[in-house]
């Protein structure tokens, strides 16, 4: 049994127990040494698991604690960690902060991270887009609330136009964050690099009734898939 699997099983054993268990009882159940159990319990406590007790006395899990419903394999945990860390390339401060909190809550992921001095999975942030946080926040809120925006947009040729948009979704590319939207000016679906917006103002007009339908039409017309290349920023 790997250490990750053993830690999961240790937590489950203590959750099921109606009384405090000694380290020796746990060691016999998991068929490992008493020293291993002491070390594992100390590791769980250091990670914030509400495990009360100490060596020579016994251990009890605080009532109400549970693990996430999914038990990740090592490779799955590595994939989760890499994905969370790649969010740093989006330049989206809120997502980056949320990802950091999520990573800290993943018991398995923290075990996979292992020795902080010897990381084996690195994600470079070089080339991450320099989008203005206030603009990105406004766009993201408009997508989430299905509210229209008025925007001043500079395209790849330097031309500036004013648009009234219905923001549908954000697409995160390695070097850009792109907004897919219905454009009232062009009367069609368009794509806008978020870092090319010069000004964004919410209109306060909701399109919640049409939001799902518009997204379905966009996906059908654009042939959306995870490897969708898109037409980045054509406006």
Foldseek 3Di string as FASTA:
>chain_A
DDLLVLLQVLVVVQQPDPDFAALVVSCVVVVHDSVVSQVSVVVCVVLPQQWDDHHPTTIHHDPPDDAPPDRDDLVRLVVLLLVLVLVLLQCAPVSVVVSVVVCSRHPSNVVSCPDVVDGDDDDDNPLREPADNVLVVVLVVQQVQQFKKWFWFQFPVRDTDIWIWRWQDWDGDSNFIKTWTQTPVVRGIDIATSRRTPDIDTPRHHPVVCRVVVVVVVCVVQVDDPVRPDDHHPD
